[in-house]
Amino acid sequence: MTDPRALLERVRVIAVVGCSTDPRKAAHRIPAQLQEAGFRIIPVHPGAEEILGERAYRSLRDIPEPVDLVDVFRPGPETPPFARDAVAIGASALWLQLGITSAESRAIAREGGLDYVEDRCTGADARWWGITKAAA
């Protein structure tokens, strides 16, 4: 597993798979927290037009700009296709949120040359280590 702190210090653009439209859910609160810390958040949600003031995309492959990190808020068994898409779009890393693991996604990420973190919270880690991004 990649050093999560070093990864969060390095990345700026985060595509959030499973980003929620519901402010009560962690899949909305955590991306909002990262956005407030200065990360660029790109929501990936099959039915939303906009989340957190950002255009939402139906899939990772629909995103028209480079992505540093793919942050996944979906159950472990659903993550391998997102791992494949992360490799296909040239992301540098794949992160499965707290409570989510997948040996298959881990293998796909490693074979694709991606840094990989699982079963950790991007928002909690960024807050714990005081990681913020200055406005570009």
N, C-alpha and C. Protein backbone atom coordinates (compact mmCIF):
# COMPACT_ATOMS: atom_id res chain seq x y z
N MET A 1 0.85 -1.19 0.00
CA MET A 1 0.00 0.00 0.00
C MET A 1 0.89 1.24 0.00
N THR A 2 0.48 2.23 -0.74
CA THR A 2 1.18 3.50 -0.84
C THR A 2 1.06 4.29 0.46
N ASP A 3 2.04 5.12 0.76
CA ASP A 3 1.97 6.00 1.92
C ASP A 3 0.85 7.02 1.70
N PRO A 4 -0.24 6.94 2.47
CA PRO A 4 -1.39 7.83 2.24
C PRO A 4 -1.04 9.31 2.41
N ARG A 5 -0.20 9.62 3.37
CA ARG A 5 0.16 11.03 3.59
C ARG A 5 0.90 11.60 2.38
N ALA A 6 1.89 10.89 1.90
CA ALA A 6 2.66 11.35 0.74
C ALA A 6 1.74 11.50 -0.48
N LEU A 7 0.80 10.58 -0.63
CA LEU A 7 -0.13 10.64 -1.75
C LEU A 7 -1.00 11.89 -1.66
N LEU A 8 -1.59 12.14 -0.51
CA LEU A 8 -2.45 13.32 -0.36
C LEU A 8 -1.67 14.62 -0.51
N GLU A 9 -0.42 14.62 -0.10
CA GLU A 9 0.40 15.82 -0.29
C GLU A 9 0.69 16.08 -1.76
N ARG A 10 0.76 15.01 -2.55
CA ARG A 10 1.11 15.12 -3.97
C ARG A 10 -0.07 15.47 -4.88
N VAL A 11 -1.25 14.94 -4.59
CA VAL A 11 -2.37 15.09 -5.53
C VAL A 11 -3.11 16.41 -5.35
N ARG A 12 -3.80 16.81 -6.40
CA ARG A 12 -4.62 18.02 -6.36
C ARG A 12 -6.03 17.75 -6.90
N VAL A 13 -6.14 16.99 -8.00
CA VAL A 13 -7.44 16.73 -8.63
C VAL A 13 -7.91 15.33 -8.26
N ILE A 14 -9.09 15.27 -7.61
CA ILE A 14 -9.64 14.00 -7.13
C ILE A 14 -11.00 13.75 -7.77
N ALA A 15 -11.10 12.65 -8.52
CA ALA A 15 -12.39 12.20 -9.05
C ALA A 15 -13.01 11.31 -7.98
N VAL A 16 -14.23 11.63 -7.58
CA VAL A 16 -14.89 10.91 -6.49
C VAL A 16 -16.01 10.04 -7.06
N VAL A 17 -15.74 8.74 -7.14
CA VAL A 17 -16.72 7.77 -7.64
C VAL A 17 -17.71 7.47 -6.53
N GLY A 18 -18.99 7.65 -6.84
CA GLY A 18 -20.02 7.44 -5.84
C GLY A 18 -20.29 8.68 -5.01
N CYS A 19 -19.80 9.82 -5.47
CA CYS A 19 -20.06 11.09 -4.78
C CYS A 19 -21.58 11.25 -4.64
N SER A 20 -22.03 11.54 -3.45
CA SER A 20 -23.47 11.57 -3.18
C SER A 20 -24.05 12.98 -3.27
N THR A 21 -25.30 13.05 -3.67
CA THR A 21 -26.04 14.30 -3.68
C THR A 21 -26.64 14.60 -2.31
N ASP A 22 -26.59 13.62 -1.41
CA ASP A 22 -27.19 13.73 -0.08
C ASP A 22 -26.16 14.24 0.94
N PRO A 23 -26.30 15.48 1.43
CA PRO A 23 -25.32 16.04 2.37
C PRO A 23 -25.17 15.26 3.67
N ARG A 24 -26.11 14.36 3.98
CA ARG A 24 -26.02 13.57 5.20
C ARG A 24 -25.07 12.38 5.06
N LYS A 25 -24.69 12.04 3.84
CA LYS A 25 -23.86 10.86 3.60
C LYS A 25 -22.38 11.22 3.56
N ALA A 26 -21.56 10.29 4.01
CA ALA A 26 -20.10 10.48 3.99
C ALA A 26 -19.60 10.73 2.57
N ALA A 27 -20.25 10.12 1.59
CA ALA A 27 -19.83 10.28 0.19
C ALA A 27 -20.13 11.69 -0.34
N HIS A 28 -20.76 12.52 0.46
CA HIS A 28 -20.94 13.94 0.15
C HIS A 28 -20.07 14.78 1.09
N ARG A 29 -20.12 14.46 2.37
CA ARG A 29 -19.39 15.25 3.38
C ARG A 29 -17.88 15.22 3.18
N ILE A 30 -17.33 14.05 2.89
CA ILE A 30 -15.87 13.92 2.74
C ILE A 30 -15.39 14.70 1.50
N PRO A 31 -16.01 14.52 0.34
CA PRO A 31 -15.58 15.33 -0.80
C PRO A 31 -15.73 16.84 -0.54
N ALA A 32 -16.79 17.23 0.18
CA ALA A 32 -16.97 18.66 0.51
C ALA A 32 -15.82 19.14 1.39
N GLN A 33 -15.43 18.32 2.34
CA GLN A 33 -14.32 18.67 3.22
C GLN A 33 -13.01 18.80 2.41
N LEU A 34 -12.78 17.88 1.49
CA LEU A 34 -11.58 17.96 0.65
C LEU A 34 -11.61 19.20 -0.23
N GLN A 35 -12.78 19.52 -0.75
CA GLN A 35 -12.95 20.72 -1.57
C GLN A 35 -12.62 21.96 -0.74
N GLU A 36 -13.11 22.01 0.49
CA GLU A 36 -12.82 23.15 1.37
C GLU A 36 -11.33 23.26 1.68
N ALA A 37 -10.62 22.12 1.65
CA ALA A 37 -9.18 22.11 1.90
C ALA A 37 -8.38 22.48 0.65
N GLY A 38 -9.08 22.76 -0.44
CA GLY A 38 -8.41 23.23 -1.65
C GLY A 38 -8.19 22.20 -2.74
N PHE A 39 -8.62 20.96 -2.51
CA PHE A 39 -8.53 19.95 -3.57
C PHE A 39 -9.59 20.24 -4.63
N ARG A 40 -9.31 19.94 -5.87
CA ARG A 40 -10.30 20.04 -6.95
C ARG A 40 -11.04 18.72 -6.97
N ILE A 41 -12.36 18.78 -6.76
CA ILE A 41 -13.20 17.58 -6.71
C ILE A 41 -13.99 17.47 -8.01
N ILE A 42 -13.95 16.27 -8.61
CA ILE A 42 -14.76 15.98 -9.80
C ILE A 42 -15.70 14.83 -9.42
N PRO A 43 -16.99 15.13 -9.23
CA PRO A 43 -17.94 14.08 -8.85
C PRO A 43 -18.22 13.11 -10.00
N VAL A 44 -18.29 11.83 -9.67
CA VAL A 44 -18.69 10.80 -10.64
C VAL A 44 -19.94 10.14 -10.08
N HIS A 45 -21.04 10.38 -10.77
CA HIS A 45 -22.36 9.90 -10.31
C HIS A 45 -23.21 9.71 -11.57
N PRO A 46 -23.80 8.54 -11.77
CA PRO A 46 -24.51 8.28 -13.02
C PRO A 46 -25.79 9.08 -13.22
N GLY A 47 -26.35 9.67 -12.17
CA GLY A 47 -27.63 10.36 -12.34
C GLY A 47 -27.63 11.83 -11.98
N ALA A 48 -26.50 12.38 -11.58
CA ALA A 48 -26.46 13.78 -11.15
C ALA A 48 -25.83 14.66 -12.22
N GLU A 49 -26.31 15.88 -12.30
CA GLU A 49 -25.73 16.87 -13.22
C GLU A 49 -24.63 17.66 -12.53
N GLU A 50 -24.85 17.93 -11.23
CA GLU A 50 -23.91 18.76 -10.48
C GLU A 50 -23.93 18.35 -9.00
N ILE A 51 -22.75 18.31 -8.40
CA ILE A 51 -22.61 18.04 -6.97
C ILE A 51 -21.50 18.95 -6.46
N LEU A 52 -21.74 19.59 -5.32
CA LEU A 52 -20.75 20.47 -4.69
C LEU A 52 -20.33 21.61 -5.62
N GLY A 53 -21.26 22.05 -6.46
CA GLY A 53 -20.97 23.15 -7.37
C GLY A 53 -20.11 22.75 -8.56
N GLU A 54 -19.87 21.46 -8.72
CA GLU A 54 -19.04 20.96 -9.82
C GLU A 54 -19.88 20.08 -10.74
N ARG A 55 -19.58 20.14 -12.03
CA ARG A 55 -20.26 19.26 -12.97
C ARG A 55 -19.95 17.81 -12.61
N ALA A 56 -20.98 16.98 -12.58
CA ALA A 56 -20.82 15.56 -12.31
C ALA A 56 -20.75 14.80 -13.64
N TYR A 57 -19.96 13.74 -13.65
CA TYR A 57 -19.80 12.91 -14.84
C TYR A 57 -20.35 11.53 -14.57
N ARG A 58 -20.87 10.90 -15.61
CA ARG A 58 -21.48 9.57 -15.47
C ARG A 58 -20.43 8.50 -15.20
N SER A 59 -19.22 8.69 -15.72
CA SER A 59 -18.17 7.70 -15.52
C SER A 59 -16.81 8.39 -15.51
N LEU A 60 -15.80 7.70 -15.03
CA LEU A 60 -14.45 8.25 -15.04
C LEU A 60 -13.99 8.55 -16.46
N ARG A 61 -14.37 7.71 -17.40
CA ARG A 61 -13.94 7.89 -18.79
C ARG A 61 -14.56 9.12 -19.46
N ASP A 62 -15.60 9.68 -18.85
CA ASP A 62 -16.23 10.89 -19.39
C ASP A 62 -15.53 12.17 -18.95
N ILE A 63 -14.64 12.10 -17.99
CA ILE A 63 -13.98 13.30 -17.47
C ILE A 63 -12.98 13.81 -18.50
N PRO A 64 -13.11 15.08 -18.92
CA PRO A 64 -12.27 15.59 -20.01
C PRO A 64 -10.94 16.23 -19.57
N GLU A 65 -10.55 16.02 -18.32
CA GLU A 65 -9.31 16.61 -17.84
C GLU A 65 -8.53 15.58 -17.04
N PRO A 66 -7.24 15.82 -16.83
CA PRO A 66 -6.43 14.87 -16.07
C PRO A 66 -6.89 14.74 -14.61
N VAL A 67 -6.81 13.53 -14.09
CA VAL A 67 -7.19 13.22 -12.71
C VAL A 67 -5.97 12.64 -12.01
N ASP A 68 -5.68 13.15 -10.82
CA ASP A 68 -4.56 12.62 -10.04
C ASP A 68 -4.97 11.37 -9.26
N LEU A 69 -6.10 11.45 -8.59
CA LEU A 69 -6.53 10.40 -7.67
C LEU A 69 -7.99 10.05 -7.93
N VAL A 70 -8.28 8.76 -7.99
CA VAL A 70 -9.66 8.28 -8.05
C VAL A 70 -10.00 7.77 -6.66
N ASP A 71 -10.97 8.41 -6.02
CA ASP A 71 -11.41 8.11 -4.65
C ASP A 71 -12.77 7.42 -4.76
N VAL A 72 -12.85 6.17 -4.28
CA VAL A 72 -14.05 5.35 -4.51
C VAL A 72 -14.87 5.16 -3.24
N PHE A 73 -16.15 5.53 -3.34
CA PHE A 73 -17.15 5.33 -2.30
C PHE A 73 -18.18 4.29 -2.78
N ARG A 74 -17.74 3.12 -3.13
CA ARG A 74 -18.63 2.03 -3.55
C ARG A 74 -18.18 0.76 -2.85
N PRO A 75 -19.06 -0.22 -2.68
CA PRO A 75 -18.68 -1.46 -2.02
C PRO A 75 -17.53 -2.17 -2.75
N GLY A 76 -16.69 -2.86 -1.98
CA GLY A 76 -15.53 -3.54 -2.53
C GLY A 76 -15.77 -4.36 -3.79
N PRO A 77 -16.84 -5.21 -3.82
CA PRO A 77 -17.06 -6.01 -5.02
C PRO A 77 -17.36 -5.18 -6.28
N GLU A 78 -17.78 -3.93 -6.11
CA GLU A 78 -18.09 -3.07 -7.26
C GLU A 78 -16.88 -2.28 -7.75
N THR A 79 -15.74 -2.36 -7.06
CA THR A 79 -14.63 -1.47 -7.38
C THR A 79 -13.74 -1.86 -8.56
N PRO A 80 -13.61 -3.14 -8.94
CA PRO A 80 -12.69 -3.45 -10.04
C PRO A 80 -12.91 -2.68 -11.34
N PRO A 81 -14.15 -2.48 -11.80
CA PRO A 81 -14.30 -1.68 -13.02
C PRO A 81 -13.77 -0.25 -12.86
N PHE A 82 -13.90 0.31 -11.67
CA PHE A 82 -13.39 1.66 -11.43
C PHE A 82 -11.86 1.65 -11.42
N ALA A 83 -11.28 0.57 -10.91
CA ALA A 83 -9.82 0.43 -10.95
C ALA A 83 -9.34 0.38 -12.40
N ARG A 84 -10.03 -0.39 -13.23
CA ARG A 84 -9.67 -0.47 -14.65
C ARG A 84 -9.79 0.90 -15.32
N ASP A 85 -10.87 1.61 -15.01
CA ASP A 85 -11.07 2.94 -15.59
C ASP A 85 -10.01 3.92 -15.10
N ALA A 86 -9.61 3.81 -13.84
CA ALA A 86 -8.56 4.70 -13.30
C ALA A 86 -7.27 4.50 -14.09
N VAL A 87 -6.94 3.26 -14.38
CA VAL A 87 -5.75 2.97 -15.19
C VAL A 87 -5.94 3.54 -16.59
N ALA A 88 -7.12 3.32 -17.18
CA ALA A 88 -7.39 3.75 -18.56
C ALA A 88 -7.30 5.26 -18.73
N ILE A 89 -7.72 6.03 -17.71
CA ILE A 89 -7.70 7.50 -17.87
C ILE A 89 -6.36 8.10 -17.46
N GLY A 90 -5.43 7.26 -17.01
CA GLY A 90 -4.11 7.75 -16.65
C GLY A 90 -4.02 8.40 -15.28
N ALA A 91 -4.95 8.05 -14.38
CA ALA A 91 -4.85 8.57 -13.01
C ALA A 91 -3.56 8.03 -12.40
N SER A 92 -3.05 8.73 -11.41
CA SER A 92 -1.81 8.26 -10.78
C SER A 92 -2.08 7.38 -9.56
N ALA A 93 -3.32 7.40 -9.06
CA ALA A 93 -3.60 6.65 -7.83
C ALA A 93 -5.07 6.26 -7.72
N LEU A 94 -5.30 5.19 -6.96
CA LEU A 94 -6.64 4.70 -6.65
C LEU A 94 -6.73 4.58 -5.14
N TRP A 95 -7.83 5.11 -4.56
CA TRP A 95 -8.04 5.09 -3.11
C TRP A 95 -9.44 4.55 -2.86
N LEU A 96 -9.53 3.45 -2.09
CA LEU A 96 -10.82 2.93 -1.67
C LEU A 96 -11.07 3.42 -0.25
N GLN A 97 -12.21 4.01 -0.04
CA GLN A 97 -12.52 4.67 1.23
C GLN A 97 -12.56 3.70 2.42
N LEU A 98 -12.65 4.29 3.59
CA LEU A 98 -12.68 3.55 4.85
C LEU A 98 -13.73 2.44 4.80
N GLY A 99 -13.31 1.23 5.15
CA GLY A 99 -14.22 0.09 5.15
C GLY A 99 -14.31 -0.63 3.82
N ILE A 100 -13.60 -0.15 2.80
CA ILE A 100 -13.67 -0.74 1.47
C ILE A 100 -12.31 -1.34 1.11
N THR A 101 -12.33 -2.62 0.74
CA THR A 101 -11.12 -3.30 0.29
C THR A 101 -11.46 -4.15 -0.93
N SER A 102 -10.44 -4.44 -1.73
CA SER A 102 -10.64 -5.30 -2.89
C SER A 102 -9.28 -5.80 -3.38
N ALA A 103 -9.05 -7.09 -3.22
CA ALA A 103 -7.80 -7.68 -3.72
C ALA A 103 -7.70 -7.52 -5.23
N GLU A 104 -8.82 -7.65 -5.93
CA GLU A 104 -8.80 -7.52 -7.39
C GLU A 104 -8.46 -6.09 -7.80
N SER A 105 -9.07 -5.10 -7.15
CA SER A 105 -8.76 -3.70 -7.47
C SER A 105 -7.30 -3.37 -7.15
N ARG A 106 -6.81 -3.91 -6.04
CA ARG A 106 -5.41 -3.72 -5.66
C ARG A 106 -4.49 -4.24 -6.77
N ALA A 107 -4.79 -5.45 -7.27
CA ALA A 107 -3.97 -6.05 -8.33
C ALA A 107 -4.05 -5.23 -9.61
N ILE A 108 -5.23 -4.78 -9.98
CA ILE A 108 -5.40 -3.97 -11.18
C ILE A 108 -4.59 -2.67 -11.07
N ALA A 109 -4.68 -2.03 -9.91
CA ALA A 109 -3.96 -0.78 -9.70
C ALA A 109 -2.45 -1.01 -9.79
N ARG A 110 -1.97 -2.02 -9.11
CA ARG A 110 -0.52 -2.30 -9.12
C ARG A 110 -0.04 -2.63 -10.53
N GLU A 111 -0.78 -3.49 -11.23
CA GLU A 111 -0.39 -3.86 -12.60
C GLU A 111 -0.43 -2.66 -13.52
N GLY A 112 -1.32 -1.70 -13.22
CA GLY A 112 -1.45 -0.50 -14.04
C GLY A 112 -0.51 0.62 -13.63
N GLY A 113 0.31 0.37 -12.61
CA GLY A 113 1.29 1.37 -12.18
C GLY A 113 0.71 2.47 -11.30
N LEU A 114 -0.47 2.25 -10.73
CA LEU A 114 -1.09 3.25 -9.86
C LEU A 114 -0.67 3.07 -8.41
N ASP A 115 -0.52 4.17 -7.70
CA ASP A 115 -0.41 4.10 -6.26
C ASP A 115 -1.77 3.64 -5.74
N TYR A 116 -1.77 2.98 -4.58
CA TYR A 116 -3.01 2.37 -4.10
C TYR A 116 -3.13 2.48 -2.58
N VAL A 117 -4.32 2.89 -2.14
CA VAL A 117 -4.65 2.95 -0.72
C VAL A 117 -6.06 2.38 -0.58
N GLU A 118 -6.28 1.60 0.48
CA GLU A 118 -7.63 1.10 0.74
C GLU A 118 -7.92 1.17 2.24
N ASP A 119 -9.22 1.16 2.54
CA ASP A 119 -9.70 1.11 3.92
C ASP A 119 -9.18 2.29 4.76
N ARG A 120 -9.15 3.46 4.14
CA ARG A 120 -8.78 4.70 4.85
C ARG A 120 -9.66 5.82 4.31
N CYS A 121 -9.82 6.86 5.10
CA CYS A 121 -10.65 8.01 4.71
C CYS A 121 -9.77 9.16 4.25
N THR A 122 -9.94 9.58 3.02
CA THR A 122 -9.17 10.71 2.48
C THR A 122 -9.37 11.95 3.33
N GLY A 123 -10.61 12.24 3.69
CA GLY A 123 -10.90 13.45 4.46
C GLY A 123 -10.30 13.43 5.84
N ALA A 124 -10.46 12.32 6.55
CA ALA A 124 -9.90 12.22 7.91
C ALA A 124 -8.39 12.30 7.86
N ASP A 125 -7.78 11.63 6.89
CA ASP A 125 -6.32 11.67 6.78
C ASP A 125 -5.83 13.07 6.44
N ALA A 126 -6.46 13.74 5.48
CA ALA A 126 -6.04 15.10 5.12
C ALA A 126 -6.17 16.04 6.31
N ARG A 127 -7.25 15.91 7.06
CA ARG A 127 -7.47 16.75 8.24
C ARG A 127 -6.42 16.43 9.32
N TRP A 128 -6.20 15.15 9.57
CA TRP A 128 -5.25 14.73 10.61
C TRP A 128 -3.85 15.29 10.34
N TRP A 129 -3.43 15.23 9.09
CA TRP A 129 -2.09 15.68 8.73
C TRP A 129 -2.04 17.16 8.34
N GLY A 130 -3.19 17.84 8.37
CA GLY A 130 -3.24 19.26 8.05
C GLY A 130 -2.92 19.58 6.60
N ILE A 131 -3.29 18.68 5.70
CA ILE A 131 -2.98 18.86 4.28
C ILE A 131 -4.03 19.73 3.62
N THR A 132 -3.59 20.84 3.06
CA THR A 132 -4.45 21.73 2.29
C THR A 132 -3.73 22.09 1.00
N LYS A 133 -4.49 22.59 0.06
CA LYS A 133 -3.92 23.00 -1.22
C LYS A 133 -4.14 24.50 -1.38
N ALA A 134 -3.09 25.20 -1.69
CA ALA A 134 -3.20 26.64 -1.96
C ALA A 134 -3.90 26.83 -3.29
N ALA A 135 -4.61 27.93 -3.42
CA ALA A 135 -5.29 28.24 -4.69
C ALA A 135 -4.24 28.35 -5.79
N ALA A 136 -4.55 27.73 -6.92
CA ALA A 136 -3.60 27.75 -8.04
C ALA A 136 -3.62 29.06 -8.77
